[in-house]
Amino acid sequence: MTHSYHMLDYIYQSPDALNRTLSSNEVKIERIASQVRERNIQRIIISGVGSSYTAGIIVAPVFMRVCLLPTYLLPSTEIAAYQPGMIDENTLIVAVSRSGERGWVVDSFCEAIRQGAMGVAITGNSEGLLAQNAPNLLLASEGPEASFPKTKSVVTHAGILARLALALADPKDPTAATILKALYGMPKLIEDTLQACQPQVQVLMPELKKYRTMMLAGTLGNFGVALEGSLKMQEASGLVVVSNETGNMLHGPWGTITPDWLVTLLVTEYDQTLSEINLRLAEKIGAKRLAIVEAGLDLGSLADYEITIPFKPERFLAGMAFLPAIQLLTYYWAVANGLDPDTPANASAVLEAMLPDGRQEPEMGNLK
């Protein structure tokens, strides 16, 4: 299927990309898990910037629930503050970068390895600087992504990270087994979500496109989706988006939210009560409310607009299930407002600021 812009095609390629990525990295991940045990690794640090960082937040609940090692997620730009001390021969450093060309990611990764850390790189670019400097490489199989806002690579990187966490779990942990089964079923569920949510988004867009300011919040992995949605919607759709964790919305944001805002909540059974409290607050203030909900939840009349995920996801992978709806919203919001989602405003200036001298972003030369 070919759409007007690359971005929508890439969103729809996510299920196959995730399936390929999981299959092609299975043996490597198990080998890395064996090395972690042999080297007596005591802690894991996952680093990245932008969507590579939010991909980690999306699946952080998997690490926290089943991984036997304490895991820290840090922007690559902050790792230097923890060197030396936190990073040594008992540390696993996992650097995530779709392009593999971000100077901050590569430099902090190489410095950690120099200090004795075990290094694993996750990237979609086998020829990038990160891959060239990686003792252990997990290559995402999303294929070309000639759109500045990354979508399918966020899905593949989240999938690899979740699989790594599960490889480091107690083999006898029944929760880990349940999550692993759900992870391998995720490509089909993402495909179903795209088919179910696209028409819902299209129907709502004539009304939603008038909003320019949004509060976006969720819990567990959906907090990561809120961060990713904030990044993508500001990058591609021209909205001002504030992201938050649903419970923390009750501390601060309501002093700024006005009737001009769209309050958007990612709602699961786990956080339904918290979500309903915030939706009632939005009603009192006069702000409009969009709820993206898992199947089977009834919010009554608490939402002005609603998008339903066609299933109830496994709790610790809920972020991967909700992410496609946010990606579709980002795309259609941009198009509805006459923007090119593949080439957002100031994209070239941003790349120039981020990339080391003489390096290029993969596929950016193919942008429309």
Protein backbone atom coordinates (compact mmCIF):
# COMPACT_ATOMS: atom_id res chain seq x y z
CA MET A 1 0.00 0.00 0.00
CA THR A 2 1.41 3.41 -0.99
CA HIS A 3 0.25 6.60 0.71
CA SER A 4 0.82 10.28 0.03
CA TYR A 5 3.78 10.45 2.37
CA HIS A 6 6.44 7.95 3.43
CA MET A 7 5.50 8.24 7.11
CA LEU A 8 2.14 6.46 6.78
CA ASP A 9 3.68 3.66 4.73
CA TYR A 10 6.30 3.17 7.43
CA ILE A 11 3.68 3.08 10.17
CA TYR A 12 1.96 0.25 8.31
CA GLN A 13 5.27 -1.58 7.82
CA SER A 14 5.82 -1.76 11.59
CA PRO A 15 4.28 -5.22 12.17
CA ASP A 16 6.46 -6.94 9.56
CA ALA A 17 9.51 -4.97 10.68
CA LEU A 18 8.98 -6.06 14.28
CA ASN A 19 8.49 -9.68 13.30
CA ARG A 20 11.71 -9.70 11.23
CA THR A 21 13.64 -7.95 13.96
CA LEU A 22 12.63 -10.36 16.70
CA SER A 23 13.34 -13.41 14.55
CA SER A 24 16.73 -12.23 13.31
CA ASN A 25 18.05 -11.28 16.75
CA GLU A 26 16.89 -14.26 18.82
CA VAL A 27 20.19 -16.14 18.78
CA LYS A 28 22.26 -12.98 19.34
CA ILE A 29 20.16 -11.91 22.32
CA GLU A 30 20.48 -15.29 23.99
CA ARG A 31 24.24 -15.16 23.42
CA ILE A 32 24.41 -11.69 24.97
CA ALA A 33 22.38 -12.91 27.97
CA SER A 34 24.91 -15.72 28.46
CA GLN A 35 27.78 -13.23 28.39
CA VAL A 36 26.00 -11.06 30.95
CA ARG A 37 25.82 -13.99 33.33
CA GLU A 38 29.42 -15.08 32.66
CA ARG A 39 30.77 -11.58 33.25
CA ASN A 40 28.82 -11.14 36.50
CA ILE A 41 27.15 -7.97 35.22
CA GLN A 42 25.51 -6.11 38.11
CA ARG A 43 23.59 -3.30 36.38
CA ILE A 44 22.24 -2.25 32.99
CA ILE A 45 22.29 1.25 31.52
CA ILE A 46 20.17 1.91 28.44
CA SER A 47 20.91 5.14 26.60
CA GLY A 48 19.75 7.02 23.54
CA VAL A 49 18.30 10.33 22.45
CA GLY A 50 14.95 11.26 20.97
CA SER A 51 12.78 8.33 19.90
CA SER A 52 15.54 5.85 20.72
CA TYR A 53 15.34 7.01 24.33
CA THR A 54 11.53 6.95 24.45
CA ALA A 55 11.57 3.42 22.98
CA GLY A 56 13.37 2.42 26.16
CA ILE A 57 10.80 4.15 28.36
CA ILE A 58 7.99 2.36 26.49
CA VAL A 59 9.34 -1.06 27.52
CA ALA A 60 10.95 -0.04 30.82
CA PRO A 61 8.16 -1.85 32.72
CA VAL A 62 9.39 -5.15 31.28
CA PHE A 63 12.88 -4.57 32.69
CA MET A 64 11.50 -3.47 36.04
CA ARG A 65 9.13 -6.43 36.33
CA VAL A 66 11.19 -9.39 35.12
CA CYS A 67 14.84 -8.46 34.60
CA LEU A 68 17.07 -9.75 37.41
CA LEU A 69 19.40 -6.74 37.18
CA PRO A 70 18.73 -3.11 38.15
CA THR A 71 18.21 -1.12 34.96
CA TYR A 72 18.67 2.60 34.38
CA LEU A 73 17.47 4.58 31.37
CA LEU A 74 19.55 7.69 30.70
CA PRO A 75 19.73 10.16 27.83
CA SER A 76 23.11 9.67 26.16
CA THR A 77 23.84 13.34 26.79
CA GLU A 78 23.83 12.66 30.56
CA ILE A 79 25.93 9.50 30.82
CA ALA A 80 29.16 11.45 31.30
CA ALA A 81 27.86 12.62 34.68
CA TYR A 82 27.98 9.01 35.91
CA GLN A 83 31.48 8.22 34.64
CA PRO A 84 33.44 6.93 36.48
CA GLY A 85 31.57 5.31 39.33
CA MET A 86 28.38 3.82 37.99
CA ILE A 87 30.05 2.51 34.83
CA ASP A 88 32.68 -0.21 35.19
CA GLU A 89 33.40 -3.83 34.22
CA ASN A 90 30.18 -4.92 35.97
CA THR A 91 28.01 -2.66 33.78
CA LEU A 92 26.12 -3.52 30.61
CA ILE A 93 25.77 -0.41 28.45
CA VAL A 94 23.04 -0.64 25.78
CA ALA A 95 23.16 2.22 23.28
CA VAL A 96 20.12 2.70 21.04
CA SER A 97 20.20 4.79 17.85
CA ARG A 98 18.26 4.17 14.66
CA SER A 99 20.78 6.09 12.54
CA GLY A 100 23.84 5.06 14.55
CA GLU A 101 25.25 8.49 13.76
CA ARG A 102 24.41 10.58 16.82
CA GLY A 103 27.69 11.83 18.24
CA TRP A 104 26.44 11.90 21.83
CA VAL A 105 25.27 8.30 21.65
CA VAL A 106 28.44 6.97 20.04
CA ASP A 107 30.86 8.96 22.21
CA SER A 108 29.22 8.00 25.52
CA PHE A 109 29.02 4.36 24.39
CA CYS A 110 32.70 4.21 23.46
CA GLU A 111 33.75 5.91 26.71
CA ALA A 112 31.76 3.37 28.75
CA ILE A 113 33.49 0.52 26.91
CA ARG A 114 36.87 2.12 27.61
CA GLN A 115 35.96 2.03 31.29
CA GLY A 116 35.38 -1.71 31.07
CA ALA A 117 31.64 -1.91 30.45
CA MET A 118 30.13 -4.63 28.26
CA GLY A 119 28.71 -2.86 25.21
CA VAL A 120 25.62 -3.70 23.14
CA ALA A 121 24.42 -1.47 20.30
CA ILE A 122 20.88 -1.48 18.91
CA THR A 123 20.61 0.28 15.56
CA GLY A 124 18.99 0.13 12.16
CA ASN A 125 22.15 1.17 10.32
CA SER A 126 24.81 -1.53 9.94
CA GLU A 127 27.26 0.99 8.46
CA GLY A 128 26.84 3.71 11.08
CA LEU A 129 29.40 4.85 13.63
CA LEU A 130 27.59 3.03 16.43
CA ALA A 131 27.66 -0.32 14.63
CA GLN A 132 31.32 0.15 13.75
CA ASN A 133 32.18 0.62 17.43
CA ALA A 134 29.93 -2.09 18.89
CA PRO A 135 31.41 -5.25 20.46
CA ASN A 136 27.87 -6.69 20.31
CA LEU A 137 25.39 -5.57 17.65
CA LEU A 138 21.62 -6.08 17.52
CA LEU A 139 20.47 -4.89 14.11
CA ALA A 140 16.87 -3.78 13.69
CA SER A 141 15.24 -4.93 10.44
CA GLU A 142 12.91 -2.04 9.69
CA GLY A 143 14.49 -1.25 6.34
CA PRO A 144 14.55 2.27 4.86
CA GLU A 145 12.86 5.06 6.81
CA ALA A 146 13.19 8.20 4.69
CA SER A 147 11.03 10.29 6.96
CA PHE A 148 12.41 12.58 9.65
CA PRO A 149 9.86 11.46 12.30
CA LYS A 150 10.73 7.82 12.96
CA THR A 151 7.88 5.35 13.50
CA LYS A 152 8.61 1.72 12.61
CA SER A 153 12.12 1.97 14.07
CA VAL A 154 10.62 2.98 17.43
CA VAL A 155 8.58 -0.23 17.34
CA THR A 156 11.54 -2.43 16.39
CA HIS A 157 13.87 -0.91 18.97
CA ALA A 158 11.27 -1.28 21.71
CA GLY A 159 10.81 -4.90 20.64
CA ILE A 160 14.54 -5.70 20.80
CA LEU A 161 14.83 -4.08 24.22
CA ALA A 162 11.84 -6.01 25.57
CA ARG A 163 13.29 -9.26 24.24
CA LEU A 164 16.63 -8.49 25.90
CA ALA A 165 14.89 -7.88 29.24
CA LEU A 166 13.10 -11.22 28.94
CA ALA A 167 16.34 -13.03 28.12
CA LEU A 168 17.72 -11.70 31.41
CA ALA A 169 14.70 -12.86 33.44
CA ASP A 170 14.47 -15.86 35.73
CA PRO A 171 13.67 -18.79 33.38
CA LYS A 172 11.12 -20.02 35.93
CA ASP A 173 9.27 -16.68 36.16
CA PRO A 174 5.74 -17.30 34.81
CA THR A 175 5.19 -13.57 34.23
CA ALA A 176 8.24 -13.48 31.95
CA ALA A 177 6.83 -16.39 29.96
CA THR A 178 3.50 -14.58 29.59
CA ILE A 179 5.17 -11.37 28.42
CA LEU A 180 7.38 -13.27 25.97
CA LYS A 181 4.34 -14.90 24.38
CA ALA A 182 2.64 -11.51 24.15
CA LEU A 183 5.74 -9.94 22.58
CA TYR A 184 5.84 -12.51 19.79
CA GLY A 185 2.12 -11.91 19.21
CA MET A 186 2.61 -8.15 19.08
CA PRO A 187 3.13 -7.83 15.28
CA LYS A 188 -0.38 -9.19 14.65
CA LEU A 189 -1.85 -7.00 17.38
CA ILE A 190 -0.18 -3.89 15.96
CA GLU A 191 -1.59 -4.76 12.54
CA ASP A 192 -5.07 -5.14 14.03
CA THR A 193 -4.68 -1.84 15.89
CA LEU A 194 -3.74 0.03 12.74
CA GLN A 195 -6.72 -1.36 10.86
CA ALA A 196 -9.11 -0.54 13.70
CA CYS A 197 -7.75 2.88 14.67
CA GLN A 198 -7.10 4.47 11.27
CA PRO A 199 -10.81 5.02 10.45
CA GLN A 200 -11.46 6.23 14.00
CA VAL A 201 -8.67 8.81 13.69
CA GLN A 202 -9.85 9.93 10.25
CA VAL A 203 -13.42 10.45 11.47
CA LEU A 204 -12.24 12.58 14.40
CA MET A 205 -9.61 14.63 12.59
CA PRO A 206 -11.91 17.35 11.16
CA GLU A 207 -12.72 18.19 14.78
CA LEU A 208 -9.34 17.49 16.37
CA LYS A 209 -7.27 19.51 13.91
CA LYS A 210 -8.38 22.81 15.44
CA TYR A 211 -6.54 22.09 18.70
CA ARG A 212 -3.01 23.45 18.98
CA THR A 213 -2.17 22.61 22.61
CA MET A 214 -2.39 19.19 24.22
CA MET A 215 -1.74 17.41 27.50
CA LEU A 216 -0.86 13.77 26.80
CA ALA A 217 -0.49 11.24 29.63
CA GLY A 218 -0.36 7.54 30.44
CA THR A 219 1.07 5.10 32.99
CA LEU A 220 3.65 2.30 32.84
CA GLY A 221 4.76 1.92 29.20
CA ASN A 222 2.15 4.43 28.10
CA PHE A 223 4.12 7.12 29.90
CA GLY A 224 6.81 6.37 27.31
CA VAL A 225 4.16 6.62 24.59
CA ALA A 226 3.16 10.02 25.97
CA LEU A 227 6.80 11.15 25.76
CA GLU A 228 7.10 9.78 22.24
CA GLY A 229 3.78 11.36 21.23
CA SER A 230 4.91 14.70 22.57
CA LEU A 231 8.13 14.45 20.57
CA LYS A 232 6.46 13.37 17.32
CA MET A 233 3.46 15.70 17.42
CA GLN A 234 5.65 18.73 18.05
CA GLU A 235 8.12 17.56 15.42
CA ALA A 236 5.65 16.74 12.63
CA SER A 237 2.22 18.15 13.47
CA GLY A 238 3.06 21.58 14.80
CA LEU A 239 1.25 21.07 18.11
CA VAL A 240 2.50 22.15 21.50
CA VAL A 241 2.29 18.95 23.56
CA VAL A 242 3.04 18.49 27.25
CA SER A 243 3.56 14.86 28.27
CA ASN A 244 3.06 13.46 31.75
CA GLU A 245 2.41 10.37 33.84
CA THR A 246 -1.31 10.16 34.59
CA GLY A 247 -0.98 10.37 38.37
CA ASN A 248 1.47 13.26 38.17
CA MET A 249 -1.02 15.23 36.09
CA LEU A 250 -2.61 16.04 39.44
CA HIS A 251 0.52 17.95 40.46
CA GLY A 252 1.11 21.06 38.39
CA PRO A 253 -0.44 20.93 34.91
CA TRP A 254 -3.93 21.98 35.93
CA GLY A 255 -2.64 25.45 36.71
CA THR A 256 -2.00 26.02 33.00
CA ILE A 257 -4.70 23.98 31.23
CA THR A 258 -7.50 26.12 29.79
CA PRO A 259 -10.56 25.41 27.60
CA ASP A 260 -8.30 25.74 24.55
CA TRP A 261 -6.41 22.57 25.49
CA LEU A 262 -7.12 19.00 24.43
CA VAL A 263 -6.51 16.66 27.37
CA THR A 264 -5.56 13.25 25.97
CA LEU A 265 -5.25 10.16 28.15
CA LEU A 266 -4.03 6.66 27.31
CA VAL A 267 -6.33 4.53 29.42
CA THR A 268 -5.99 0.92 30.56
CA GLU A 269 -7.81 -1.01 33.24
CA TYR A 270 -4.81 -0.45 35.51
CA ASP A 271 -5.09 3.37 35.45
CA GLN A 272 -8.79 3.81 34.72
CA THR A 273 -9.55 5.39 38.11
CA LEU A 274 -6.71 7.92 37.83
CA SER A 275 -7.73 8.70 34.26
CA GLU A 276 -11.33 9.31 35.25
CA ILE A 277 -10.23 11.77 37.95
CA ASN A 278 -8.28 13.76 35.37
CA LEU A 279 -11.08 13.62 32.81
CA ARG A 280 -13.51 15.03 35.38
CA LEU A 281 -11.06 17.83 36.15
CA ALA A 282 -10.82 18.64 32.44
CA GLU A 283 -14.62 18.83 32.29
CA LYS A 284 -14.72 21.30 35.19
CA ILE A 285 -12.17 23.52 33.49
CA GLY A 286 -13.93 23.29 30.16
CA ALA A 287 -11.09 21.58 28.25
CA LYS A 288 -12.00 18.96 25.66
CA ARG A 289 -11.04 15.36 26.33
CA LEU A 290 -9.69 12.61 24.06
CA ALA A 291 -9.38 9.12 25.52
CA ILE A 292 -7.48 6.32 23.81
CA VAL A 293 -8.70 3.20 25.58
CA GLU A 294 -8.10 -0.53 25.55
CA ALA A 295 -11.00 -2.77 24.54
CA GLY A 296 -13.62 -3.40 27.20
CA LEU A 297 -13.32 -0.12 29.11
CA ASP A 298 -16.40 2.07 29.54
CA LEU A 299 -15.69 5.69 30.41
CA GLY A 300 -19.32 6.68 30.06
CA SER A 301 -19.53 10.31 28.98
CA LEU A 302 -16.18 11.35 30.44
CA ALA A 303 -14.51 11.74 27.03
CA ASP A 304 -15.58 14.06 24.24
CA TYR A 305 -13.68 11.95 21.72
CA GLU A 306 -12.62 8.33 22.00
CA ILE A 307 -10.35 5.91 20.10
CA THR A 308 -10.46 2.25 21.05
CA ILE A 309 -7.58 -0.23 20.81
CA PRO A 310 -9.20 -3.47 19.55
CA PHE A 311 -7.85 -5.68 22.36
CA LYS A 312 -6.67 -5.63 25.96
CA PRO A 313 -2.86 -5.74 25.84
CA GLU A 314 -0.54 -7.45 28.25
CA ARG A 315 0.00 -4.84 30.97
CA PHE A 316 3.78 -4.51 30.68
CA LEU A 317 3.68 -4.26 26.87
CA ALA A 318 0.73 -1.86 26.71
CA GLY A 319 2.95 0.92 25.38
CA MET A 320 3.76 -1.03 22.22
CA ALA A 321 0.04 -1.65 21.69
CA PHE A 322 -1.00 1.99 22.11
CA LEU A 323 1.88 3.49 20.12
CA PRO A 324 0.32 2.93 16.65
CA ALA A 325 -2.72 5.04 17.56
CA ILE A 326 -0.47 7.95 18.55
CA GLN A 327 1.54 7.56 15.35
CA LEU A 328 -1.64 7.68 13.25
CA LEU A 329 -2.83 10.77 15.13
CA THR A 330 0.51 12.45 14.46
CA TYR A 331 0.37 11.72 10.75
CA TYR A 332 -3.23 12.75 10.14
CA TRP A 333 -2.91 15.86 12.31
CA ALA A 334 0.04 17.02 10.20
CA VAL A 335 -1.74 16.37 6.91
CA ALA A 336 -4.97 17.98 8.11
CA ASN A 337 -3.04 21.16 8.85
CA GLY A 338 -1.31 21.20 5.48
CA LEU A 339 2.09 20.05 6.75
CA ASP A 340 4.51 17.56 5.22
CA PRO A 341 5.08 14.96 7.98
CA ASP A 342 8.14 13.55 6.22
CA THR A 343 10.03 16.85 6.31
CA PRO A 344 9.05 18.90 9.36
CA ALA A 345 9.99 22.53 9.80
CA ASN A 346 13.65 23.06 10.76
CA ALA A 347 14.52 19.38 10.18
CA SER A 348 17.74 20.13 8.28
CA ALA A 349 18.92 22.59 10.94
CA VAL A 350 18.23 20.01 13.67
CA LEU A 351 20.20 17.32 11.85
CA GLU A 352 23.10 19.69 11.33
CA ALA A 353 23.18 20.38 15.06
CA MET A 354 23.05 16.69 16.05
CA LEU A 355 25.36 14.94 13.58
CA PRO A 356 29.16 14.84 13.80
CA ASP A 357 31.02 16.67 11.03
CA GLY A 358 31.05 14.70 7.80
CA ARG A 359 28.25 12.29 8.81
CA GLN A 360 24.78 12.04 7.28
CA GLU A 361 21.43 10.72 8.43
CA PRO A 362 20.58 7.50 6.53
CA GLU A 363 18.03 7.99 3.73
CA MET A 364 17.53 11.71 4.40
CA GLY A 365 18.64 12.42 0.84
CA ASN A 366 15.49 10.64 -0.36
CA LEU A 367 13.09 12.96 1.40
CA LYS A 368 10.45 14.64 -0.70
